[in-house]
Amino acid sequence: MRILIAPDKFKGSLGALQVASNIAAGLREGLPQAELEIVPVADGGEGTAEVICQARFGEWVACSAHDAFGNTISARYGWIEESATAVMEMSEAAGWRRLVSEVHDPLRANTFGVGEMLLDATRRGARQLIVGLGGSATNDGGFGMARSLGFRFFANQMELTDGPVELTELTKIFRPKNLRLPRLDGATDVRNPLLGERGATRVFGPQKGATPEQVEILEQALTKLAEIVARDLGCDFRNTPGAGAAGGLGFGLVSFCRAELRSGFEVVAETIQLEKKMSRADVVLTGEGRLDGQTLEGKAPAGVAQLARKHGKPVYAIVGQVDREINYSGVFDAIYELARPPVSKTEAIKLTAKLLRERAQEAALSLRDSKH
């Protein structure tokens, strides 16, 4: 029996490779003769660069950049030499995890460091850039990134050089004369537009600490940005699915960098040749920290399941927790949950590795008794 193990990370607990390794250990206990292939996956969120680098034998390179509040940091991204591809995550520069202080002001947080990473990879000779849009601490529509690339923003005669709060007064954008970027794919697991009730600010702003008053200011700022971009740059992507990803950075990438926004899972699956590996398997195991409605809207386990169905392979999911109000029939053949009675969610997080091995052993028993 050939089993493909293709889980995403368990956020806040284990990375995708650690998850896959523990599942493999459990399967070996119950099915010692099985052939196991470990292929960790991601969907554009944090961990995307690591998954691609592991699969494509990439290396990590570092560059100087700035975090969301202008502090100098050393940021890293993946480099795949054979294809001259740079794989980076916007959160490496403008994410929550890079902030040196717990004090956070969403009116000032910006993506300047993301542009610095793009420029560094371009100078290195990249022919393709992949940017994962997850883990953002910003809500600036790519304003900071664009400034680092050479775009200039003005409110009448005053140049804007701080955070998105300034964009409410925006009157003019000047394009840099000699900007040359390679092909750029923005990898995202959300399809939110830039503005409105489902937009970047109203959906994700409160999660980043924005008060109701700040949400209104940020919505006004991104509305003005979209209007001036349409007038001065001749493009209007405010309603493009995914434009609202990473605080509107999706909008910024397509507007200022001529990027293409793509399903993060599809980008990862294509880059690591997941479908080819899946075609060799008899059974597929996937998983993530929480299985819920968002999973079915484009996250990695649903993508893995869809590919498995395409190739007629049974697919099992091992997950931390399940939202039982969602119907998963037709998606997974079986679901094994870590946080089930008497194990609480808190205990499951502490014991993730052990429980992954135990649930994998249960899956092995089921597979052993089946016809697969």
Foldseek 3Di string as FASTA:
>chain_A
DEEEEEAQEAPPFGGQQLLSVLLVLLLCVLPVPYHYDYQYFWWLAPNHQVSLCVLQVWDKDWDWFAEQQGHIDIFIWTARPVQLETEEELCSRAAPVPDPDPDADQQFGASLRVLVVQVVSVVVPHQEYEYRQYRGLYQQLCVNSQVNQPKWWDLVPHTDDTGLLVLLSTDAIDADDDRDGHAYEYGYLFFFFCADCRHQLNPCVVVSVQDPVRSVSSRSSVVSVQVRLCVHVVDHRRNGTPCRGNNRPVSVCCSRVVYHYDGSRVVSCVSSVVLVVLLPGQAYEYEYAEADPSCCSRTNLQVVQVSCVVNVHAYEYEYAYYDVVDDCPPRHPYYHYQDDPPRHSVNCSVCVSVSSSVSSNVVSVVVVPDPD
